[in-house]
Amino acid sequence: MAKNYNYVILVYDIGEKRVGKVFKVCKKYLVPFQKSVFRGEITPANLIKLRSELQKVIDKEVDFVALFKMTGDYVFDEEVIGVRLHDQEALLL
């Protein structure tokens, strides 16, 4: 059974040349929350469109986009588009 996502939190770390394009794509579907964070309700059809548009704009070798899709109360699913940090300790400064 397919999961139905109603609320998404999106964060990104994008190369300077593409950040404006990514911002415009995200703003079409979600609400800006911080400089590189968007959130909001989204239909499954619009989630597919958002993902497709982002994949056309980003460089998957260096850019990072994470979608945290709420699947229920206190339950979420994470999806990463682009490069993922492999060393989790790199996140701890």
PDB file of N, CA and C in Angstrom:
ATOM      1  N   MET A   1       0.848  -1.184   0.000  1.00  0.00           N
ATOM      2  CA  MET A   1       0.000   0.000   0.000  1.00  0.00           C
ATOM      3  C   MET A   1       0.888   1.239   0.000  1.00  0.00           C
ATOM      4  N   ALA A   2       0.599   2.207  -0.868  1.00  0.00           N
ATOM      5  CA  ALA A   2       1.380   3.444  -0.955  1.00  0.00           C
ATOM      6  C   ALA A   2       1.092   4.337   0.247  1.00  0.00           C
ATOM      7  N   LYS A   3       2.134   5.017   0.695  1.00  0.00           N
ATOM      8  CA  LYS A   3       1.976   5.937   1.817  1.00  0.00           C
ATOM      9  C   LYS A   3       1.463   7.268   1.309  1.00  0.00           C
ATOM     10  N   ASN A   4       0.600   7.914   2.071  1.00  0.00           N
ATOM     11  CA  ASN A   4       0.061   9.215   1.709  1.00  0.00           C
ATOM     12  C   ASN A   4       0.714  10.280   2.583  1.00  0.00           C
ATOM     13  N   TYR A   5       1.421  11.211   1.958  1.00  0.00           N
ATOM     14  CA  TYR A   5       2.123  12.254   2.688  1.00  0.00           C
ATOM     15  C   TYR A   5       1.323  13.545   2.599  1.00  0.00           C
ATOM     16  N   ASN A   6       1.002  14.120   3.736  1.00  0.00           N
ATOM     17  CA  ASN A   6       0.261  15.371   3.748  1.00  0.00           C
ATOM     18  C   ASN A   6       1.131  16.555   4.142  1.00  0.00           C
ATOM     19  N   TYR A   7       2.226  16.314   4.858  1.00  0.00           N
ATOM     20  CA  TYR A   7       3.063  17.391   5.368  1.00  0.00           C
ATOM     21  C   TYR A   7       4.521  17.033   5.135  1.00  0.00           C
ATOM     22  N   VAL A   8       5.288  17.996   4.624  1.00  0.00           N
ATOM     23  CA  VAL A   8       6.687  17.757   4.281  1.00  0.00           C
ATOM     24  C   VAL A   8       7.553  18.870   4.852  1.00  0.00           C
ATOM     25  N   ILE A   9       8.715  18.492   5.370  1.00  0.00           N
ATOM     26  CA  ILE A   9       9.772  19.437   5.721  1.00  0.00           C
ATOM     27  C   ILE A   9      10.922  19.140   4.760  1.00  0.00           C
ATOM     28  N   LEU A  10      11.380  20.160   4.056  1.00  0.00           N
ATOM     29  CA  LEU A  10      12.440  20.008   3.070  1.00  0.00           C
ATOM     30  C   LEU A  10      13.621  20.881   3.485  1.00  0.00           C
ATOM     31  N   VAL A  11      14.810  20.294   3.489  1.00  0.00           N
ATOM     32  CA  VAL A  11      16.037  21.046   3.772  1.00  0.00           C
ATOM     33  C   VAL A  11      17.015  20.791   2.634  1.00  0.00           C
ATOM     34  N   TYR A  12      17.852  21.794   2.359  1.00  0.00           N
ATOM     35  CA  TYR A  12      18.807  21.596   1.275  1.00  0.00           C
ATOM     36  C   TYR A  12      20.127  22.299   1.546  1.00  0.00           C
ATOM     37  N   ASP A  13      21.161  21.767   0.887  1.00  0.00           N
ATOM     38  CA  ASP A  13      22.501  22.365   0.850  1.00  0.00           C
ATOM     39  C   ASP A  13      22.912  22.288  -0.617  1.00  0.00           C
ATOM     40  N   ILE A  14      22.829  23.431  -1.300  1.00  0.00           N
ATOM     41  CA  ILE A  14      22.953  23.482  -2.754  1.00  0.00           C
ATOM     42  C   ILE A  14      24.104  24.405  -3.147  1.00  0.00           C
ATOM     43  N   GLY A  15      24.766  24.066  -4.238  1.00  0.00           N
ATOM     44  CA  GLY A  15      25.808  24.928  -4.773  1.00  0.00           C
ATOM     45  C   GLY A  15      25.261  26.307  -5.113  1.00  0.00           C
ATOM     46  N   GLU A  16      26.100  27.309  -4.936  1.00  0.00           N
ATOM     47  CA  GLU A  16      25.686  28.711  -5.076  1.00  0.00           C
ATOM     48  C   GLU A  16      25.032  29.010  -6.429  1.00  0.00           C
ATOM     49  N   LYS A  17      25.489  28.380  -7.492  1.00  0.00           N
ATOM     50  CA  LYS A  17      24.944  28.649  -8.824  1.00  0.00           C
ATOM     51  C   LYS A  17      23.510  28.149  -8.988  1.00  0.00           C
ATOM     52  N   ARG A  18      23.103  27.164  -8.210  1.00  0.00           N
ATOM     53  CA  ARG A  18      21.787  26.554  -8.366  1.00  0.00           C
ATOM     54  C   ARG A  18      20.809  26.901  -7.251  1.00  0.00           C
ATOM     55  N   VAL A  19      21.269  27.568  -6.211  1.00  0.00           N
ATOM     56  CA  VAL A  19      20.429  27.785  -5.036  1.00  0.00           C
ATOM     57  C   VAL A  19      19.176  28.608  -5.367  1.00  0.00           C
ATOM     58  N   GLY A  20      19.286  29.581  -6.247  1.00  0.00           N
ATOM     59  CA  GLY A  20      18.128  30.383  -6.619  1.00  0.00           C
ATOM     60  C   GLY A  20      17.062  29.569  -7.328  1.00  0.00           C
ATOM     61  N   LYS A  21      17.496  28.684  -8.221  1.00  0.00           N
ATOM     62  CA  LYS A  21      16.564  27.818  -8.945  1.00  0.00           C
ATOM     63  C   LYS A  21      15.866  26.856  -7.987  1.00  0.00           C
ATOM     64  N   VAL A  22      16.634  26.285  -7.061  1.00  0.00           N
ATOM     65  CA  VAL A  22      16.052  25.356  -6.083  1.00  0.00           C
ATOM     66  C   VAL A  22      15.043  26.086  -5.194  1.00  0.00           C
ATOM     67  N   PHE A  23      15.385  27.305  -4.783  1.00  0.00           N
ATOM     68  CA  PHE A  23      14.476  28.102  -3.960  1.00  0.00           C
ATOM     69  C   PHE A  23      13.149  28.331  -4.685  1.00  0.00           C
ATOM     70  N   LYS A  24      13.228  28.691  -5.964  1.00  0.00           N
ATOM     71  CA  LYS A  24      12.005  28.945  -6.743  1.00  0.00           C
ATOM     72  C   LYS A  24      11.146  27.692  -6.875  1.00  0.00           C
ATOM     73  N   VAL A  25      11.774  26.548  -7.111  1.00  0.00           N
ATOM     74  CA  VAL A  25      11.022  25.294  -7.223  1.00  0.00           C
ATOM     75  C   VAL A  25      10.334  24.989  -5.896  1.00  0.00           C
ATOM     76  N   CYS A  26      11.063  25.076  -4.805  1.00  0.00           N
ATOM     77  CA  CYS A  26      10.502  24.753  -3.492  1.00  0.00           C
ATOM     78  C   CYS A  26       9.358  25.697  -3.132  1.00  0.00           C
ATOM     79  N   LYS A  27       9.517  26.975  -3.479  1.00  0.00           N
ATOM     80  CA  LYS A  27       8.508  27.982  -3.129  1.00  0.00           C
ATOM     81  C   LYS A  27       7.185  27.751  -3.865  1.00  0.00           C
ATOM     82  N   LYS A  28       7.230  27.046  -4.998  1.00  0.00           N
ATOM     83  CA  LYS A  28       6.006  26.729  -5.735  1.00  0.00           C
ATOM     84  C   LYS A  28       5.120  25.763  -4.951  1.00  0.00           C
ATOM     85  N   TYR A  29       5.726  24.933  -4.103  1.00  0.00           N
ATOM     86  CA  TYR A  29       4.983  23.855  -3.447  1.00  0.00           C
ATOM     87  C   TYR A  29       4.927  23.965  -1.929  1.00  0.00           C
ATOM     88  N   LEU A  30       5.901  24.657  -1.325  1.00  0.00           N
ATOM     89  CA  LEU A  30       6.004  24.719   0.131  1.00  0.00           C
ATOM     90  C   LEU A  30       6.239  26.158   0.581  1.00  0.00           C
ATOM     91  N   VAL A  31       6.252  26.382   1.886  1.00  0.00           N
ATOM     92  CA  VAL A  31       6.415  27.712   2.467  1.00  0.00           C
ATOM     93  C   VAL A  31       7.823  27.831   3.055  1.00  0.00           C
ATOM     94  N   PRO A  32       8.551  28.919   2.734  1.00  0.00           N
ATOM     95  CA  PRO A  32       9.882  29.094   3.327  1.00  0.00           C
ATOM     96  C   PRO A  32       9.795  29.213   4.848  1.00  0.00           C
ATOM     97  N   PHE A  33      10.729  28.556   5.537  1.00  0.00           N
ATOM     98  CA  PHE A  33      10.763  28.578   7.001  1.00  0.00           C
ATOM     99  C   PHE A  33      12.073  29.183   7.507  1.00  0.00           C
ATOM    100  N   GLN A  34      13.182  28.809   6.886  1.00  0.00           N
ATOM    101  CA  GLN A  34      14.519  29.355   7.125  1.00  0.00           C
ATOM    102  C   GLN A  34      15.169  29.509   5.762  1.00  0.00           C
ATOM    103  N   LYS A  35      16.422  29.923   5.705  1.00  0.00           N
ATOM    104  CA  LYS A  35      17.075  30.132   4.408  1.00  0.00           C
ATOM    105  C   LYS A  35      17.073  28.889   3.532  1.00  0.00           C
ATOM    106  N   SER A  36      17.298  27.738   4.094  1.00  0.00           N
ATOM    107  CA  SER A  36      17.343  26.516   3.297  1.00  0.00           C
ATOM    108  C   SER A  36      16.376  25.462   3.827  1.00  0.00           C
ATOM    109  N   VAL A  37      15.272  25.916   4.397  1.00  0.00           N
ATOM    110  CA  VAL A  37      14.260  25.015   4.952  1.00  0.00           C
ATOM    111  C   VAL A  37      12.881  25.469   4.483  1.00  0.00           C
ATOM    112  N   PHE A  38      12.114  24.512   3.974  1.00  0.00           N
ATOM    113  CA  PHE A  38      10.732  24.749   3.580  1.00  0.00           C
ATOM    114  C   PHE A  38       9.856  23.742   4.299  1.00  0.00           C
ATOM    115  N   ARG A  39       8.571  24.077   4.443  1.00  0.00           N
ATOM    116  CA  ARG A  39       7.649  23.136   5.064  1.00  0.00           C
ATOM    117  C   ARG A  39       6.245  23.423   4.573  1.00  0.00           C
ATOM    118  N   GLY A  40       5.366  22.457   4.745  1.00  0.00           N
ATOM    119  CA  GLY A  40       3.972  22.692   4.407  1.00  0.00           C
ATOM    120  C   GLY A  40       3.245  21.437   3.975  1.00  0.00           C
ATOM    121  N   GLU A  41       1.938  21.607   3.834  1.00  0.00           N
ATOM    122  CA  GLU A  41       1.098  20.520   3.346  1.00  0.00           C
ATOM    123  C   GLU A  41       1.302  20.391   1.841  1.00  0.00           C
ATOM    124  N   ILE A  42       1.237  19.156   1.364  1.00  0.00           N
ATOM    125  CA  ILE A  42       1.465  18.902  -0.055  1.00  0.00           C
ATOM    126  C   ILE A  42       0.681  17.659  -0.458  1.00  0.00           C
ATOM    127  N   THR A  43       0.094  17.699  -1.636  1.00  0.00           N
ATOM    128  CA  THR A  43      -0.627  16.532  -2.141  1.00  0.00           C
ATOM    129  C   THR A  43       0.375  15.532  -2.705  1.00  0.00           C
ATOM    130  N   PRO A  44      -0.001  14.270  -2.807  1.00  0.00           N
ATOM    131  CA  PRO A  44       0.912  13.291  -3.404  1.00  0.00           C
ATOM    132  C   PRO A  44       1.317  13.676  -4.835  1.00  0.00           C
ATOM    133  N   ALA A  45       0.393  14.219  -5.610  1.00  0.00           N
ATOM    134  CA  ALA A  45       0.711  14.625  -6.986  1.00  0.00           C
ATOM    135  C   ALA A  45       1.734  15.760  -6.999  1.00  0.00           C
ATOM    136  N   ASN A  46       1.573  16.730  -6.109  1.00  0.00           N
ATOM    137  CA  ASN A  46       2.530  17.834  -6.057  1.00  0.00           C
ATOM    138  C   ASN A  46       3.876  17.393  -5.506  1.00  0.00           C
ATOM    139  N   LEU A  47       3.890  16.399  -4.642  1.00  0.00           N
ATOM    140  CA  LEU A  47       5.158  15.863  -4.146  1.00  0.00           C
ATOM    141  C   LEU A  47       5.951  15.234  -5.291  1.00  0.00           C
ATOM    142  N   ILE A  48       5.264  14.545  -6.169  1.00  0.00           N
ATOM    143  CA  ILE A  48       5.917  13.950  -7.337  1.00  0.00           C
ATOM    144  C   ILE A  48       6.477  15.050  -8.238  1.00  0.00           C
ATOM    145  N   LYS A  49       5.698  16.107  -8.457  1.00  0.00           N
ATOM    146  CA  LYS A  49       6.154  17.227  -9.283  1.00  0.00           C
ATOM    147  C   LYS A  49       7.365  17.917  -8.655  1.00  0.00           C
ATOM    148  N   LEU A  50       7.312  18.156  -7.346  1.00  0.00           N
ATOM    149  CA  LEU A  50       8.418  18.789  -6.635  1.00  0.00           C
ATOM    150  C   LEU A  50       9.693  17.974  -6.791  1.00  0.00           C
ATOM    151  N   ARG A  51       9.598  16.695  -6.533  1.00  0.00           N
ATOM    152  CA  ARG A  51      10.762  15.803  -6.642  1.00  0.00           C
ATOM    153  C   ARG A  51      11.330  15.822  -8.069  1.00  0.00           C
ATOM    154  N   SER A  52      10.461  15.761  -9.046  1.00  0.00           N
ATOM    155  CA  SER A  52      10.890  15.749 -10.445  1.00  0.00           C
ATOM    156  C   SER A  52      11.595  17.055 -10.825  1.00  0.00           C
ATOM    157  N   GLU A  53      11.032  18.184 -10.428  1.00  0.00           N
ATOM    158  CA  GLU A  53      11.632  19.479 -10.744  1.00  0.00           C
ATOM    159  C   GLU A  53      12.985  19.652 -10.050  1.00  0.00           C
ATOM    160  N   LEU A  54      13.088  19.199  -8.809  1.00  0.00           N
ATOM    161  CA  LEU A  54      14.357  19.306  -8.086  1.00  0.00           C
ATOM    162  C   LEU A  54      15.440  18.464  -8.752  1.00  0.00           C
ATOM    163  N   GLN A  55      15.076  17.267  -9.199  1.00  0.00           N
ATOM    164  CA  GLN A  55      16.059  16.389  -9.828  1.00  0.00           C
ATOM    165  C   GLN A  55      16.596  16.977 -11.126  1.00  0.00           C
ATOM    166  N   LYS A  56      15.814  17.832 -11.783  1.00  0.00           N
ATOM    167  CA  LYS A  56      16.262  18.480 -13.013  1.00  0.00           C
ATOM    168  C   LYS A  56      17.208  19.645 -12.734  1.00  0.00           C
ATOM    169  N   VAL A  57      17.113  20.245 -11.554  1.00  0.00           N
ATOM    170  CA  VAL A  57      17.855  21.466 -11.235  1.00  0.00           C
ATOM    171  C   VAL A  57      19.163  21.184 -10.494  1.00  0.00           C
ATOM    172  N   ILE A  58      19.170  20.197  -9.600  1.00  0.00           N
ATOM    173  CA  ILE A  58      20.349  19.989  -8.749  1.00  0.00           C
ATOM    174  C   ILE A  58      21.435  19.197  -9.468  1.00  0.00           C
ATOM    175  N   ASP A  59      22.636  19.290  -8.933  1.00  0.00           N
ATOM    176  CA  ASP A  59      23.758  18.451  -9.350  1.00  0.00           C
ATOM    177  C   ASP A  59      23.850  17.336  -8.313  1.00  0.00           C
ATOM    178  N   LYS A  60      23.450  16.148  -8.691  1.00  0.00           N
ATOM    179  CA  LYS A  60      23.369  15.027  -7.747  1.00  0.00           C
ATOM    180  C   LYS A  60      24.720  14.586  -7.200  1.00  0.00           C
ATOM    181  N   GLU A  61      25.800  15.082  -7.800  1.00  0.00           N
ATOM    182  CA  GLU A  61      27.144  14.743  -7.332  1.00  0.00           C
ATOM    183  C   GLU A  61      27.575  15.593  -6.138  1.00  0.00           C
ATOM    184  N   VAL A  62      27.016  16.798  -5.987  1.00  0.00           N
ATOM    185  CA  VAL A  62      27.463  17.698  -4.922  1.00  0.00           C
ATOM    186  C   VAL A  62      26.330  18.290  -4.087  1.00  0.00           C
ATOM    187  N   ASP A  63      25.111  18.340  -4.622  1.00  0.00           N
ATOM    188  CA  ASP A  63      23.995  18.966  -3.907  1.00  0.00           C
ATOM    189  C   ASP A  63      23.273  17.955  -3.026  1.00  0.00           C
ATOM    190  N   PHE A  64      22.591  18.485  -2.015  1.00  0.00           N
ATOM    191  CA  PHE A  64      21.879  17.658  -1.035  1.00  0.00           C
ATOM    192  C   PHE A  64      20.488  18.242  -0.803  1.00  0.00           C
ATOM    193  N   VAL A  65      19.462  17.406  -0.931  1.00  0.00           N
ATOM    194  CA  VAL A  65      18.093  17.777  -0.593  1.00  0.00           C
ATOM    195  C   VAL A  65      17.513  16.626   0.230  1.00  0.00           C
ATOM    196  N   ALA A  66      16.928  16.954   1.361  1.00  0.00           N
ATOM    197  CA  ALA A  66      16.274  15.939   2.193  1.00  0.00           C
ATOM    198  C   ALA A  66      14.810  16.316   2.365  1.00  0.00           C
ATOM    199  N   LEU A  67      13.954  15.338   2.163  1.00  0.00           N
ATOM    200  CA  LEU A  67      12.511  15.493   2.369  1.00  0.00           C
ATOM    201  C   LEU A  67      12.109  14.637   3.569  1.00  0.00           C
ATOM    202  N   PHE A  68      11.523  15.266   4.559  1.00  0.00           N
ATOM    203  CA  PHE A  68      10.990  14.549   5.713  1.00  0.00           C
ATOM    204  C   PHE A  68       9.479  14.557   5.566  1.00  0.00           C
ATOM    205  N   LYS A  69       8.928  13.392   5.205  1.00  0.00           N
ATOM    206  CA  LYS A  69       7.515  13.283   4.877  1.00  0.00           C
ATOM    207  C   LYS A  69       6.768  12.668   6.054  1.00  0.00           C
ATOM    208  N   MET A  70       5.830  13.409   6.577  1.00  0.00           N
ATOM    209  CA  MET A  70       5.070  12.939   7.732  1.00  0.00           C
ATOM    210  C   MET A  70       4.066  11.881   7.276  1.00  0.00           C
ATOM    211  N   THR A  71       4.145  10.704   7.879  1.00  0.00           N
ATOM    212  CA  THR A  71       3.257   9.599   7.516  1.00  0.00           C
ATOM    213  C   THR A  71       2.201   9.357   8.580  1.00  0.00           C
ATOM    214  N   GLY A  72       2.289  10.029   9.693  1.00  0.00           N
ATOM    215  CA  GLY A  72       1.335   9.886  10.786  1.00  0.00           C
ATOM    216  C   GLY A  72       1.831  10.673  11.977  1.00  0.00           C
ATOM    217  N   ASP A  73       1.119  10.599  13.069  1.00  0.00           N
ATOM    218  CA  ASP A  73       1.537  11.289  14.284  1.00  0.00           C
ATOM    219  C   ASP A  73       2.902  10.761  14.735  1.00  0.00           C
ATOM    220  N   TYR A  74       3.885  11.660  14.774  1.00  0.00           N
ATOM    221  CA  TYR A  74       5.239  11.349  15.253  1.00  0.00           C
ATOM    222  C   TYR A  74       5.960  10.308  14.401  1.00  0.00           C
ATOM    223  N   VAL A  75       5.495  10.100  13.170  1.00  0.00           N
ATOM    224  CA  VAL A  75       6.123   9.136  12.274  1.00  0.00           C
ATOM    225  C   VAL A  75       6.449   9.858  10.966  1.00  0.00           C
ATOM    226  N   PHE A  76       7.683   9.686  10.488  1.00  0.00           N
ATOM    227  CA  PHE A  76       8.059  10.319   9.227  1.00  0.00           C
ATOM    228  C   PHE A  76       8.921   9.378   8.404  1.00  0.00           C
ATOM    229  N   ASP A  77       8.992   9.693   7.128  1.00  0.00           N
ATOM    230  CA  ASP A  77       9.812   8.959   6.182  1.00  0.00           C
ATOM    231  C   ASP A  77      10.810   9.957   5.606  1.00  0.00           C
ATOM    232  N   GLU A  78      12.057   9.568   5.472  1.00  0.00           N
ATOM    233  CA  GLU A  78      13.097  10.460   4.959  1.00  0.00           C
ATOM    234  C   GLU A  78      13.506  10.029   3.557  1.00  0.00           C
ATOM    235  N   GLU A  79      13.644  11.001   2.668  1.00  0.00           N
ATOM    236  CA  GLU A  79      14.115  10.753   1.311  1.00  0.00           C
ATOM    237  C   GLU A  79      15.214  11.761   0.999  1.00  0.00           C
ATOM    238  N   VAL A  80      16.320  11.300   0.440  1.00  0.00           N
ATOM    239  CA  VAL A  80      17.425  12.180   0.075  1.00  0.00           C
ATOM    240  C   VAL A  80      17.581  12.170  -1.436  1.00  0.00           C
ATOM    241  N   ILE A  81      17.704  13.375  -1.997  1.00  0.00           N
ATOM    242  CA  ILE A  81      17.994  13.543  -3.413  1.00  0.00           C
ATOM    243  C   ILE A  81      19.384  14.158  -3.492  1.00  0.00           C
ATOM    244  N   GLY A  82      20.255  13.539  -4.254  1.00  0.00           N
ATOM    245  CA  GLY A  82      21.619  14.041  -4.361  1.00  0.00           C
ATOM    246  C   GLY A  82      22.558  13.302  -3.437  1.00  0.00           C
ATOM    247  N   VAL A  83      23.623  13.987  -3.051  1.00  0.00           N
ATOM    248  CA  VAL A  83      24.685  13.373  -2.257  1.00  0.00           C
ATOM    249  C   VAL A  83      24.294  13.339  -0.777  1.00  0.00           C
ATOM    250  N   ARG A  84      24.656  12.266  -0.123  1.00  0.00           N
ATOM    251  CA  ARG A  84      24.399  12.108   1.308  1.00  0.00           C
ATOM    252  C   ARG A  84      25.739  12.012   2.026  1.00  0.00           C
ATOM    253  N   LEU A  85      25.860  12.700   3.162  1.00  0.00           N
ATOM    254  CA  LEU A  85      27.083  12.568   3.957  1.00  0.00           C
ATOM    255  C   LEU A  85      27.177  11.136   4.472  1.00  0.00           C
ATOM    256  N   HIS A  86      28.290  10.490   4.194  1.00  0.00           N
ATOM    257  CA  HIS A  86      28.455   9.103   4.628  1.00  0.00           C
ATOM    258  C   HIS A  86      29.011   9.019   6.044  1.00  0.00           C
ATOM    259  N   ASP A  87      29.732  10.034   6.449  1.00  0.00           N
ATOM    260  CA  ASP A  87      30.330  10.045   7.770  1.00  0.00           C
ATOM    261  C   ASP A  87      29.425  10.838   8.709  1.00  0.00           C
ATOM    262  N   GLN A  88      28.646  10.138   9.504  1.00  0.00           N
ATOM    263  CA  GLN A  88      27.690  10.801  10.391  1.00  0.00           C
ATOM    264  C   GLN A  88      28.364  11.726  11.387  1.00  0.00           C
ATOM    265  N   GLU A  89      29.617  11.438  11.732  1.00  0.00           N
ATOM    266  CA  GLU A  89      30.334  12.298  12.660  1.00  0.00           C
ATOM    267  C   GLU A  89      30.636  13.663  12.057  1.00  0.00           C
ATOM    268  N   ALA A  90      30.598  13.760  10.723  1.00  0.00           N
ATOM    269  CA  ALA A  90      30.835  15.058  10.080  1.00  0.00           C
ATOM    270  C   ALA A  90      29.736  16.055  10.432  1.00  0.00           C
ATOM    271  N   LEU A  91      28.579  15.539  10.861  1.00  0.00           N
ATOM    272  CA  LEU A  91      27.479  16.409  11.246  1.00  0.00           C
ATOM    273  C   LEU A  91      27.666  16.994  12.625  1.00  0.00           C
ATOM    274  N   LEU A  92      28.511  16.379  13.429  1.00  0.00           N
ATOM    275  CA  LEU A  92      28.741  16.851  14.795  1.00  0.00           C
ATOM    276  C   LEU A  92      29.966  17.753  14.817  1.00  0.00           C
ATOM    277  N   LEU A  93      29.749  19.012  15.033  1.00  0.00           N
ATOM    278  CA  LEU A  93      30.874  19.960  15.018  1.00  0.00           C
ATOM    279  C   LEU A  93      31.376  20.232  16.410  1.00  0.00           C
TER     280      LEU A  93
END
